[in-house]
């Protein structure tokens, strides 16, 4: 079911880059942000990941833990992190169980994925300016992103299902959401 504010975040088992069989119950401590993107080779996702990484201290100052969920497998993630170490925690979901369980649907087609073409092109151009090139394709190329801010007790404080690739709150927006919804 699609989550909304006030819902209980479901218990799930997942893999991180270096661990198997981690559960949501084990990681919910303070505020937990699940930033659900596409895959590590997506330049727009790389831009988002690097922006999150640049602000990780601000999340930690708020007792917030960030997990970036990707369709990428552990092997791709380990290789990417060897090339560019990042101070983030990643959930590797090549089977897309996380996406299915939370009903994070793919776009109908490439046009729907692009959505607001001006916003999407601005994000693609920003990614290019940062030097992010397209890497390996993994998972469903039409996959849409989503974002969930979850309290320690499992209550969803904020849920966002993107309408297109660039329809995601900024890092500053997410920090403000955490501040506004802190228990």
Foldseek 3Di string as FASTA:
>chain_A
DADFFFDFADWDFFQWLPGGGDIPLNVQDAKEKEWEAEAPLDLLVVVQQVQCQVCVVLCVVNVYAYEYEYLAASVVVVVVCVVPPGPHIYTHRVVCPVCVVNVQDFAPDPCQQCPPVVLSVVSVVVSVVVVRHGDDHGHDPRGWIKMFMAHSVRGTQGIGRARHNRRDDHPVVVSVSSVVRRD
